[in-house]
Amino acid sequence: MTIRAVFWDIGGVLLTNGWDREQRADVLSRFGLDLTEFTERHKLAVPELELGRMTLDEYLSQTVFHAPRDFTREAFRAAMEAESRPHDDALAIARDLSGRYRTYALNNEGHDLNECRIRTYALHEFLLAFFSSCYLGVMIRTPIK
């Protein structure tokens, strides 16, 4: 059997998770927002966000800025984006393998955060294409174990 392609998940593999439970809890705590209220609003909005049918600004309007806040959208968004950090060892392996195999990303993520992470960590330099839920309009599901 010959390996012809390698597919990488971005969140939790090449980078930290983008906007998962832990990241949301951290940012919400720093901004003094109620986790329970946010979570209910998030559950309704996140499928639309990750399927590319809602922008990050629209998502924030529904989940955070449905009420007046003492902070800006820009500050909140910057905090969200700052939750993304590299997994340097995995990135090094992915870069190395890209010289020998066709390498791609396969992930679920909203368009704005996905683009930010691709740009910030120069993922386009070694991944040939991004099969992301926001571009495909379908969620990539893994079997429940």
C-alpha atoms as a PDB file:
ATOM      1  CA  MET A   1       0.000   0.000   0.000  1.00  0.00           C
ATOM      2  CA  THR A   2       1.321   3.416  -0.950  1.00  0.00           C
ATOM      3  CA  ILE A   3       0.471   6.530   1.035  1.00  0.00           C
ATOM      4  CA  ARG A   4      -0.654   9.203  -1.391  1.00  0.00           C
ATOM      5  CA  ALA A   5      -2.165  11.819   0.901  1.00  0.00           C
ATOM      6  CA  VAL A   6      -2.164  12.887   4.529  1.00  0.00           C
ATOM      7  CA  PHE A   7      -5.151  14.672   6.059  1.00  0.00           C
ATOM      8  CA  TRP A   8      -4.625  16.821   9.133  1.00  0.00           C
ATOM      9  CA  ASP A   9      -7.136  18.148  11.614  1.00  0.00           C
ATOM     10  CA  ILE A  10      -6.290  21.724  12.519  1.00  0.00           C
ATOM     11  CA  GLY A  11      -7.929  22.073  15.948  1.00  0.00           C
ATOM     12  CA  GLY A  12      -6.342  19.860  18.559  1.00  0.00           C
ATOM     13  CA  VAL A  13      -3.710  18.493  16.162  1.00  0.00           C
ATOM     14  CA  LEU A  14      -1.777  21.192  14.287  1.00  0.00           C
ATOM     15  CA  LEU A  15      -3.065  23.950  16.579  1.00  0.00           C
ATOM     16  CA  THR A  16      -4.965  24.106  19.827  1.00  0.00           C
ATOM     17  CA  ASN A  17      -8.720  23.885  19.493  1.00  0.00           C
ATOM     18  CA  GLY A  18     -10.087  27.097  18.079  1.00  0.00           C
ATOM     19  CA  TRP A  19     -13.339  27.738  19.936  1.00  0.00           C
ATOM     20  CA  ASP A  20     -14.099  24.590  21.902  1.00  0.00           C
ATOM     21  CA  ARG A  21     -15.421  24.294  25.477  1.00  0.00           C
ATOM     22  CA  GLU A  22     -12.175  25.169  27.213  1.00  0.00           C
ATOM     23  CA  GLN A  23     -11.449  28.162  24.985  1.00  0.00           C
ATOM     24  CA  ARG A  24     -14.988  29.482  25.344  1.00  0.00           C
ATOM     25  CA  ALA A  25     -14.931  29.095  29.136  1.00  0.00           C
ATOM     26  CA  ASP A  26     -11.595  30.928  29.356  1.00  0.00           C
ATOM     27  CA  VAL A  27     -12.701  33.884  27.226  1.00  0.00           C
ATOM     28  CA  LEU A  28     -16.141  34.127  28.838  1.00  0.00           C
ATOM     29  CA  SER A  29     -14.565  34.160  32.292  1.00  0.00           C
ATOM     30  CA  ARG A  30     -12.175  36.955  31.335  1.00  0.00           C
ATOM     31  CA  PHE A  31     -15.065  39.041  29.994  1.00  0.00           C
ATOM     32  CA  GLY A  32     -17.362  38.271  32.944  1.00  0.00           C
ATOM     33  CA  LEU A  33     -20.042  36.535  30.866  1.00  0.00           C
ATOM     34  CA  ASP A  34     -22.410  33.847  32.118  1.00  0.00           C
ATOM     35  CA  LEU A  35     -21.301  30.481  30.728  1.00  0.00           C
ATOM     36  CA  THR A  36     -24.750  28.859  30.974  1.00  0.00           C
ATOM     37  CA  GLU A  37     -26.527  31.646  29.089  1.00  0.00           C
ATOM     38  CA  PHE A  38     -23.810  31.804  26.468  1.00  0.00           C
ATOM     39  CA  THR A  39     -23.810  28.026  25.994  1.00  0.00           C
ATOM     40  CA  GLU A  40     -27.531  27.966  25.213  1.00  0.00           C
ATOM     41  CA  ARG A  41     -27.110  30.689  22.603  1.00  0.00           C
ATOM     42  CA  HIS A  42     -23.934  29.022  21.263  1.00  0.00           C
ATOM     43  CA  LYS A  43     -25.715  25.681  20.728  1.00  0.00           C
ATOM     44  CA  LEU A  44     -28.235  27.374  18.447  1.00  0.00           C
ATOM     45  CA  ALA A  45     -25.718  29.432  16.468  1.00  0.00           C
ATOM     46  CA  VAL A  46     -22.622  27.241  16.125  1.00  0.00           C
ATOM     47  CA  PRO A  47     -23.949  24.837  13.477  1.00  0.00           C
ATOM     48  CA  GLU A  48     -24.707  27.794  11.210  1.00  0.00           C
ATOM     49  CA  LEU A  49     -21.273  29.277  11.917  1.00  0.00           C
ATOM     50  CA  GLU A  50     -19.372  26.071  11.221  1.00  0.00           C
ATOM     51  CA  LEU A  51     -21.399  25.331   8.088  1.00  0.00           C
ATOM     52  CA  GLY A  52     -20.448  28.712   6.671  1.00  0.00           C
ATOM     53  CA  ARG A  53     -23.982  30.088   6.765  1.00  0.00           C
ATOM     54  CA  MET A  54     -23.205  32.699   9.426  1.00  0.00           C
ATOM     55  CA  THR A  55     -20.310  35.109   9.821  1.00  0.00           C
ATOM     56  CA  LEU A  56     -18.400  35.457  13.060  1.00  0.00           C
ATOM     57  CA  ASP A  57     -19.928  38.912  13.477  1.00  0.00           C
ATOM     58  CA  GLU A  58     -23.442  37.444  13.180  1.00  0.00           C
ATOM     59  CA  TYR A  59     -22.512  34.688  15.632  1.00  0.00           C
ATOM     60  CA  LEU A  60     -21.231  37.266  18.123  1.00  0.00           C
ATOM     61  CA  SER A  61     -24.448  39.278  17.726  1.00  0.00           C
ATOM     62  CA  GLN A  62     -26.464  36.217  18.733  1.00  0.00           C
ATOM     63  CA  THR A  63     -24.225  34.870  21.472  1.00  0.00           C
ATOM     64  CA  VAL A  64     -22.509  37.861  23.110  1.00  0.00           C
ATOM     65  CA  PHE A  65     -23.734  41.194  21.801  1.00  0.00           C
ATOM     66  CA  HIS A  66     -27.483  40.568  22.099  1.00  0.00           C
ATOM     67  CA  ALA A  67     -27.197  42.902  25.112  1.00  0.00           C
ATOM     68  CA  PRO A  68     -25.047  45.991  25.747  1.00  0.00           C
ATOM     69  CA  ARG A  69     -21.489  45.156  26.850  1.00  0.00           C
ATOM     70  CA  ASP A  70     -18.690  47.168  28.402  1.00  0.00           C
ATOM     71  CA  PHE A  71     -16.219  45.766  25.873  1.00  0.00           C
ATOM     72  CA  THR A  72     -16.016  45.869  22.098  1.00  0.00           C
ATOM     73  CA  ARG A  73     -16.545  43.211  19.468  1.00  0.00           C
ATOM     74  CA  GLU A  74     -12.948  43.746  18.413  1.00  0.00           C
ATOM     75  CA  ALA A  75     -11.654  43.015  21.933  1.00  0.00           C
ATOM     76  CA  PHE A  76     -13.787  39.892  22.227  1.00  0.00           C
ATOM     77  CA  ARG A  77     -12.824  38.650  18.788  1.00  0.00           C
ATOM     78  CA  ALA A  78      -9.125  39.269  19.523  1.00  0.00           C
ATOM     79  CA  ALA A  79      -9.488  37.187  22.703  1.00  0.00           C
ATOM     80  CA  MET A  80     -11.122  34.376  20.698  1.00  0.00           C
ATOM     81  CA  GLU A  81      -8.340  34.436  18.120  1.00  0.00           C
ATOM     82  CA  ALA A  82      -5.659  34.511  20.826  1.00  0.00           C
ATOM     83  CA  GLU A  83      -6.893  31.136  22.095  1.00  0.00           C
ATOM     84  CA  SER A  84      -5.315  29.547  19.006  1.00  0.00           C
ATOM     85  CA  ARG A  85      -1.774  28.434  19.614  1.00  0.00           C
ATOM     86  CA  PRO A  86       0.524  26.181  17.619  1.00  0.00           C
ATOM     87  CA  HIS A  87       1.448  22.605  18.389  1.00  0.00           C
ATOM     88  CA  ASP A  88       4.999  23.099  17.170  1.00  0.00           C
ATOM     89  CA  ASP A  89       5.939  19.405  16.988  1.00  0.00           C
ATOM     90  CA  ALA A  90       2.866  18.536  14.911  1.00  0.00           C
ATOM     91  CA  LEU A  91       3.429  21.529  12.621  1.00  0.00           C
ATOM     92  CA  ALA A  92       7.028  20.444  12.069  1.00  0.00           C
ATOM     93  CA  ILE A  93       5.922  16.917  11.169  1.00  0.00           C
ATOM     94  CA  ALA A  94       3.226  18.250   8.826  1.00  0.00           C
ATOM     95  CA  ARG A  95       5.710  20.543   7.092  1.00  0.00           C
ATOM     96  CA  ASP A  96       8.174  17.672   6.706  1.00  0.00           C
ATOM     97  CA  LEU A  97       5.547  15.302   5.303  1.00  0.00           C
ATOM     98  CA  SER A  98       4.333  17.927   2.848  1.00  0.00           C
ATOM     99  CA  GLY A  99       7.601  17.499   0.981  1.00  0.00           C
ATOM    100  CA  ARG A 100       6.836  13.808   0.429  1.00  0.00           C
ATOM    101  CA  TYR A 101       3.042  13.551   0.331  1.00  0.00           C
ATOM    102  CA  ARG A 102       0.026  15.570  -0.686  1.00  0.00           C
ATOM    103  CA  THR A 103      -1.178  17.134   2.572  1.00  0.00           C
ATOM    104  CA  TYR A 104      -4.624  18.562   3.296  1.00  0.00           C
ATOM    105  CA  ALA A 105      -6.711  19.852   6.195  1.00  0.00           C
ATOM    106  CA  LEU A 106     -10.008  18.251   7.178  1.00  0.00           C
ATOM    107  CA  ASN A 107     -11.848  20.151   9.911  1.00  0.00           C
ATOM    108  CA  ASN A 108     -15.008  21.741  11.285  1.00  0.00           C
ATOM    109  CA  GLU A 109     -14.700  25.461  11.847  1.00  0.00           C
ATOM    110  CA  GLY A 110     -16.339  28.764  11.033  1.00  0.00           C
ATOM    111  CA  HIS A 111     -14.965  30.738   8.082  1.00  0.00           C
ATOM    112  CA  ASP A 112     -13.531  33.738   9.931  1.00  0.00           C
ATOM    113  CA  LEU A 113     -11.645  31.786  12.575  1.00  0.00           C
ATOM    114  CA  ASN A 114     -10.508  29.214  10.011  1.00  0.00           C
ATOM    115  CA  GLU A 115      -9.089  31.943   7.751  1.00  0.00           C
ATOM    116  CA  CYS A 116      -7.393  33.633  10.706  1.00  0.00           C
ATOM    117  CA  ARG A 117      -5.704  30.390  11.757  1.00  0.00           C
ATOM    118  CA  ILE A 118      -4.608  29.533   8.201  1.00  0.00           C
ATOM    119  CA  ARG A 119      -3.096  33.010   7.783  1.00  0.00           C
ATOM    120  CA  THR A 120      -1.548  33.327  11.277  1.00  0.00           C
ATOM    121  CA  TYR A 121       0.187  29.947  11.153  1.00  0.00           C
ATOM    122  CA  ALA A 122       0.899  29.961   7.383  1.00  0.00           C
ATOM    123  CA  LEU A 123      -0.899  26.645   6.953  1.00  0.00           C
ATOM    124  CA  HIS A 124      -1.353  27.374   3.247  1.00  0.00           C
ATOM    125  CA  GLU A 125       2.410  27.007   2.816  1.00  0.00           C
ATOM    126  CA  PHE A 126       2.284  23.235   3.280  1.00  0.00           C
ATOM    127  CA  LEU A 127      -1.373  22.183   3.063  1.00  0.00           C
ATOM    128  CA  LEU A 128      -2.666  21.925  -0.498  1.00  0.00           C
ATOM    129  CA  ALA A 129      -6.370  22.392   0.317  1.00  0.00           C
ATOM    130  CA  PHE A 130      -8.670  22.947   3.261  1.00  0.00           C
ATOM    131  CA  PHE A 131     -11.691  20.662   3.430  1.00  0.00           C
ATOM    132  CA  SER A 132     -13.352  22.731   6.130  1.00  0.00           C
ATOM    133  CA  SER A 133     -17.020  22.537   7.068  1.00  0.00           C
ATOM    134  CA  CYS A 134     -17.407  26.269   6.400  1.00  0.00           C
ATOM    135  CA  TYR A 135     -16.328  25.783   2.762  1.00  0.00           C
ATOM    136  CA  LEU A 136     -18.055  22.446   2.148  1.00  0.00           C
ATOM    137  CA  GLY A 137     -21.340  23.269   3.866  1.00  0.00           C
ATOM    138  CA  VAL A 138     -21.294  19.918   5.691  1.00  0.00           C
ATOM    139  CA  MET A 139     -19.987  18.898   9.084  1.00  0.00           C
ATOM    140  CA  ILE A 140     -17.283  16.278   9.254  1.00  0.00           C
ATOM    141  CA  ARG A 141     -18.368  13.743  11.873  1.00  0.00           C
ATOM    142  CA  THR A 142     -16.322  11.070  13.535  1.00  0.00           C
ATOM    143  CA  PRO A 143     -17.892   7.822  14.708  1.00  0.00           C
ATOM    144  CA  ILE A 144     -18.821   7.653  18.385  1.00  0.00           C
ATOM    145  CA  LYS A 145     -16.642   5.150  20.173  1.00  0.00           C
END
